[in-house]
């Protein structure tokens, strides 16, 4: 699988409804963040957790989220963010904002 996103791209985290071991926290699902950089290509940890130790590698990205995107009542500095590494299959391109 080829990487779909580059640093600076806006992405939305999907909610794939997968049970069991996943690395995508619930609190970022459905939210928009910015790709900070590509972190490499790795086997899917969701497959590894159930003993599938082969298969295609998946792009992994470090994605930054404004604290106010995740928690609207956050009252810390406006530029505070959290960065999370998220695999490609959990991400979609964020739709551009509607024109005014």
N, C-alpha and C. Protein backbone atom coordinates (compact mmCIF):
# COMPACT_ATOMS: atom_id res chain seq x y z
N UNK A 1 0.85 -1.18 0.00
CA UNK A 1 0.00 0.00 0.00
C UNK A 1 0.89 1.23 0.00
N UNK A 2 0.60 2.16 -0.87
CA UNK A 2 1.37 3.40 -0.95
C UNK A 2 0.76 4.43 0.01
N UNK A 3 1.61 5.28 0.59
CA UNK A 3 1.08 6.34 1.45
C UNK A 3 0.16 7.27 0.66
N UNK A 4 -0.97 7.62 1.27
CA UNK A 4 -1.93 8.52 0.62
C UNK A 4 -1.78 9.96 1.06
N UNK A 5 -1.11 10.19 2.19
CA UNK A 5 -1.07 11.52 2.77
C UNK A 5 0.36 11.98 2.98
N UNK A 6 0.52 13.29 2.99
CA UNK A 6 1.80 13.94 3.23
C UNK A 6 1.66 14.92 4.38
N UNK A 7 2.80 15.37 4.90
CA UNK A 7 2.80 16.38 5.96
C UNK A 7 1.97 17.59 5.51
N UNK A 8 1.13 18.06 6.39
CA UNK A 8 0.28 19.21 6.11
C UNK A 8 -1.12 18.84 5.65
N UNK A 9 -1.33 17.59 5.23
CA UNK A 9 -2.67 17.18 4.79
C UNK A 9 -3.63 17.10 5.97
N UNK A 10 -4.86 17.56 5.75
CA UNK A 10 -5.92 17.45 6.75
C UNK A 10 -6.59 16.09 6.57
N UNK A 11 -6.74 15.37 7.67
CA UNK A 11 -7.36 14.04 7.63
C UNK A 11 -8.42 13.92 8.71
N UNK A 12 -9.41 13.08 8.43
CA UNK A 12 -10.45 12.77 9.40
C UNK A 12 -10.23 11.33 9.84
N UNK A 13 -10.32 11.10 11.15
CA UNK A 13 -10.17 9.75 11.68
C UNK A 13 -11.51 9.04 11.58
N UNK A 14 -11.48 7.87 11.00
CA UNK A 14 -12.69 7.07 10.83
C UNK A 14 -13.00 6.30 12.11
N UNK A 15 -14.21 5.85 12.22
CA UNK A 15 -14.59 4.92 13.29
C UNK A 15 -14.95 3.62 12.59
N UNK A 16 -14.00 2.69 12.56
CA UNK A 16 -14.18 1.43 11.84
C UNK A 16 -14.98 0.40 12.63
N UNK A 17 -15.28 0.71 13.89
CA UNK A 17 -16.08 -0.21 14.69
C UNK A 17 -15.41 -1.54 14.95
N UNK A 18 -14.09 -1.56 14.93
CA UNK A 18 -13.37 -2.83 15.13
C UNK A 18 -13.29 -3.17 16.61
N UNK A 19 -13.60 -4.41 16.95
CA UNK A 19 -13.45 -4.83 18.35
C UNK A 19 -12.00 -5.24 18.62
N UNK A 20 -11.67 -5.38 19.87
CA UNK A 20 -10.36 -5.91 20.23
C UNK A 20 -9.27 -4.87 20.19
N UNK A 21 -8.07 -5.33 19.93
CA UNK A 21 -6.87 -4.49 20.00
C UNK A 21 -6.77 -3.58 18.78
N UNK A 22 -6.95 -2.31 19.00
CA UNK A 22 -6.71 -1.31 17.96
C UNK A 22 -5.91 -0.18 18.59
N UNK A 23 -5.16 0.51 17.76
CA UNK A 23 -4.29 1.57 18.28
C UNK A 23 -4.90 2.96 18.12
N UNK A 24 -6.12 3.04 17.65
CA UNK A 24 -6.74 4.35 17.40
C UNK A 24 -7.68 4.69 18.55
N UNK A 25 -7.31 5.66 19.39
CA UNK A 25 -8.15 5.98 20.55
C UNK A 25 -9.54 6.47 20.14
N UNK A 26 -10.51 6.16 20.98
CA UNK A 26 -11.88 6.59 20.72
C UNK A 26 -12.00 8.11 20.65
N UNK A 27 -11.22 8.83 21.46
CA UNK A 27 -11.40 10.27 21.53
C UNK A 27 -10.94 11.03 20.29
N UNK A 28 -10.25 10.36 19.34
CA UNK A 28 -9.88 11.05 18.10
C UNK A 28 -10.77 10.66 16.92
N UNK A 29 -11.59 9.64 17.10
CA UNK A 29 -12.44 9.18 16.00
C UNK A 29 -13.45 10.26 15.63
N UNK A 30 -13.64 10.45 14.34
CA UNK A 30 -14.52 11.47 13.74
C UNK A 30 -13.91 12.87 13.76
N UNK A 31 -12.73 13.04 14.32
CA UNK A 31 -12.11 14.37 14.40
C UNK A 31 -11.12 14.58 13.27
N UNK A 32 -10.84 15.85 12.99
CA UNK A 32 -9.91 16.24 11.94
C UNK A 32 -8.59 16.66 12.56
N UNK A 33 -7.51 16.17 11.98
CA UNK A 33 -6.17 16.53 12.41
C UNK A 33 -5.31 16.81 11.19
N UNK A 34 -4.06 17.14 11.44
CA UNK A 34 -3.10 17.45 10.38
C UNK A 34 -1.97 16.45 10.43
N UNK A 35 -1.64 15.87 9.28
CA UNK A 35 -0.51 14.95 9.21
C UNK A 35 0.76 15.76 9.49
N UNK A 36 1.50 15.33 10.51
CA UNK A 36 2.75 16.00 10.86
C UNK A 36 3.91 15.41 10.05
N UNK A 37 3.91 14.08 9.91
CA UNK A 37 4.87 13.41 9.05
C UNK A 37 4.52 11.93 8.91
N UNK A 38 5.10 11.32 7.91
CA UNK A 38 4.97 9.87 7.75
C UNK A 38 5.94 9.21 8.72
N UNK A 39 5.46 8.19 9.41
CA UNK A 39 6.28 7.50 10.41
C UNK A 39 6.87 6.20 9.88
N UNK A 40 6.52 5.80 8.67
CA UNK A 40 7.07 4.58 8.09
C UNK A 40 5.97 3.64 7.64
N UNK A 41 6.38 2.42 7.31
CA UNK A 41 5.47 1.38 6.83
C UNK A 41 5.66 0.17 7.74
N UNK A 42 4.55 -0.36 8.26
CA UNK A 42 4.62 -1.45 9.23
C UNK A 42 3.50 -2.45 8.99
N UNK A 43 3.68 -3.65 9.50
CA UNK A 43 2.59 -4.61 9.50
C UNK A 43 1.47 -4.07 10.36
N UNK A 44 0.25 -4.41 10.00
CA UNK A 44 -0.93 -3.92 10.72
C UNK A 44 -0.95 -4.53 12.13
N UNK A 45 -0.89 -3.71 13.19
CA UNK A 45 -0.89 -4.24 14.55
C UNK A 45 -2.19 -4.95 14.91
N UNK A 46 -3.29 -4.62 14.23
CA UNK A 46 -4.56 -5.31 14.49
C UNK A 46 -4.46 -6.77 14.04
N UNK A 47 -3.72 -7.03 12.97
CA UNK A 47 -3.48 -8.40 12.53
C UNK A 47 -2.46 -9.08 13.43
N UNK A 48 -1.40 -8.37 13.79
CA UNK A 48 -0.37 -8.95 14.65
C UNK A 48 -0.94 -9.40 15.99
N UNK A 49 -1.92 -8.65 16.51
CA UNK A 49 -2.51 -8.96 17.81
C UNK A 49 -3.24 -10.29 17.82
N UNK A 50 -3.65 -10.76 16.64
CA UNK A 50 -4.35 -12.05 16.58
C UNK A 50 -3.53 -13.11 15.86
N UNK A 51 -2.21 -12.88 15.79
CA UNK A 51 -1.32 -13.91 15.28
C UNK A 51 -1.04 -13.90 13.79
N UNK A 52 -1.59 -12.96 13.06
CA UNK A 52 -1.26 -12.85 11.63
C UNK A 52 0.03 -12.06 11.51
N UNK A 53 1.11 -12.76 11.24
CA UNK A 53 2.43 -12.12 11.27
C UNK A 53 3.00 -11.87 9.88
N UNK A 54 2.15 -11.93 8.87
CA UNK A 54 2.61 -11.59 7.53
C UNK A 54 1.51 -10.77 6.86
N UNK A 55 1.82 -10.27 5.70
CA UNK A 55 0.84 -9.47 4.99
C UNK A 55 1.46 -8.18 4.53
N UNK A 56 0.68 -7.34 3.90
CA UNK A 56 1.23 -6.09 3.39
C UNK A 56 1.51 -5.11 4.53
N UNK A 57 2.49 -4.26 4.29
CA UNK A 57 2.76 -3.21 5.26
C UNK A 57 1.81 -2.05 5.00
N UNK A 58 1.54 -1.30 6.06
CA UNK A 58 0.56 -0.22 6.03
C UNK A 58 1.26 1.08 6.43
N UNK A 59 1.01 2.18 5.73
CA UNK A 59 1.59 3.46 6.14
C UNK A 59 1.08 3.90 7.51
N UNK A 60 2.00 4.46 8.28
CA UNK A 60 1.69 4.99 9.61
C UNK A 60 2.04 6.47 9.59
N UNK A 61 1.15 7.29 10.13
CA UNK A 61 1.34 8.74 10.13
C UNK A 61 1.30 9.26 11.56
N UNK A 62 2.04 10.31 11.82
CA UNK A 62 1.85 11.04 13.07
C UNK A 62 0.91 12.19 12.73
N UNK A 63 -0.22 12.23 13.44
CA UNK A 63 -1.27 13.21 13.18
C UNK A 63 -1.43 14.09 14.41
N UNK A 64 -1.45 15.40 14.20
CA UNK A 64 -1.63 16.35 15.28
C UNK A 64 -3.07 16.86 15.33
N UNK A 65 -3.60 16.95 16.53
CA UNK A 65 -4.97 17.44 16.75
C UNK A 65 -4.92 18.60 17.73
N UNK A 66 -5.58 19.70 17.37
CA UNK A 66 -5.72 20.81 18.31
C UNK A 66 -6.52 20.31 19.51
N UNK A 67 -6.09 20.68 20.68
CA UNK A 67 -6.81 20.25 21.88
C UNK A 67 -8.26 20.70 21.83
N UNK A 68 -8.51 21.87 21.25
CA UNK A 68 -9.88 22.36 21.16
C UNK A 68 -10.71 21.58 20.14
N UNK A 69 -10.06 20.90 19.20
CA UNK A 69 -10.80 20.02 18.27
C UNK A 69 -11.32 18.80 19.02
N UNK A 70 -10.51 18.29 19.92
CA UNK A 70 -10.89 17.08 20.67
C UNK A 70 -11.77 17.40 21.87
N UNK A 71 -11.50 18.50 22.53
CA UNK A 71 -12.23 18.90 23.73
C UNK A 71 -12.59 20.37 23.61
N UNK A 72 -13.78 20.69 23.09
CA UNK A 72 -14.16 22.10 22.85
C UNK A 72 -14.07 23.01 24.07
N UNK A 73 -14.17 22.45 25.27
CA UNK A 73 -14.11 23.28 26.47
C UNK A 73 -12.68 23.41 27.02
N UNK A 74 -11.69 22.93 26.26
CA UNK A 74 -10.29 23.05 26.68
C UNK A 74 -9.94 24.53 26.82
N UNK A 75 -9.38 24.92 27.96
CA UNK A 75 -9.10 26.35 28.17
C UNK A 75 -7.61 26.64 28.31
N UNK A 76 -6.77 25.72 27.83
CA UNK A 76 -5.33 25.96 27.84
C UNK A 76 -4.91 26.79 26.63
N UNK A 77 -3.61 26.91 26.41
CA UNK A 77 -3.12 27.69 25.26
C UNK A 77 -3.71 27.20 23.94
N UNK A 78 -4.05 28.15 23.08
CA UNK A 78 -4.73 27.85 21.82
C UNK A 78 -3.91 26.96 20.89
N UNK A 79 -2.59 26.98 21.04
CA UNK A 79 -1.76 26.17 20.14
C UNK A 79 -1.40 24.80 20.71
N UNK A 80 -1.97 24.43 21.85
CA UNK A 80 -1.74 23.10 22.41
C UNK A 80 -2.31 22.03 21.48
N UNK A 81 -1.59 20.93 21.35
CA UNK A 81 -2.07 19.84 20.50
C UNK A 81 -1.61 18.51 21.08
N UNK A 82 -2.26 17.47 20.61
CA UNK A 82 -1.85 16.11 20.93
C UNK A 82 -1.48 15.45 19.60
N UNK A 83 -0.40 14.65 19.60
CA UNK A 83 0.04 13.96 18.38
C UNK A 83 -0.11 12.46 18.60
N UNK A 84 -0.71 11.79 17.65
CA UNK A 84 -0.99 10.36 17.74
C UNK A 84 -0.56 9.69 16.44
N UNK A 85 0.02 8.51 16.55
CA UNK A 85 0.37 7.75 15.35
C UNK A 85 -0.83 6.90 14.96
N UNK A 86 -1.26 7.06 13.70
CA UNK A 86 -2.47 6.41 13.21
C UNK A 86 -2.18 5.76 11.87
N UNK A 87 -2.64 4.53 11.70
CA UNK A 87 -2.45 3.80 10.46
C UNK A 87 -3.40 4.30 9.37
N UNK A 88 -2.95 4.16 8.12
CA UNK A 88 -3.64 4.68 6.95
C UNK A 88 -5.11 4.28 6.86
N UNK A 89 -5.42 3.01 7.16
CA UNK A 89 -6.80 2.55 6.97
C UNK A 89 -7.79 3.19 7.94
N UNK A 90 -7.32 3.91 8.93
CA UNK A 90 -8.19 4.63 9.86
C UNK A 90 -8.42 6.08 9.43
N UNK A 91 -7.83 6.48 8.30
CA UNK A 91 -7.88 7.89 7.90
C UNK A 91 -8.58 8.09 6.57
N UNK A 92 -9.22 9.25 6.44
CA UNK A 92 -9.81 9.71 5.18
C UNK A 92 -9.40 11.16 5.00
N UNK A 93 -9.32 11.59 3.76
CA UNK A 93 -9.04 13.00 3.52
C UNK A 93 -10.19 13.82 4.11
N UNK A 94 -9.82 14.87 4.85
CA UNK A 94 -10.86 15.74 5.42
C UNK A 94 -11.45 16.57 4.30
N UNK A 95 -12.75 16.71 4.33
CA UNK A 95 -13.41 17.52 3.32
C UNK A 95 -13.07 18.98 3.56
N UNK A 96 -12.85 19.74 2.49
CA UNK A 96 -12.56 21.16 2.70
C UNK A 96 -13.76 21.85 3.33
N UNK A 97 -13.52 22.92 4.07
CA UNK A 97 -14.65 23.62 4.67
C UNK A 97 -15.55 24.21 3.59
N UNK A 98 -16.85 24.35 3.85
CA UNK A 98 -17.74 24.93 2.86
C UNK A 98 -17.35 26.37 2.54
N UNK A 99 -17.58 26.74 1.30
CA UNK A 99 -17.28 28.12 0.89
C UNK A 99 -18.24 29.09 1.58
N UNK A 100 -17.75 30.28 1.95
CA UNK A 100 -18.63 31.25 2.62
C UNK A 100 -19.70 31.81 1.70
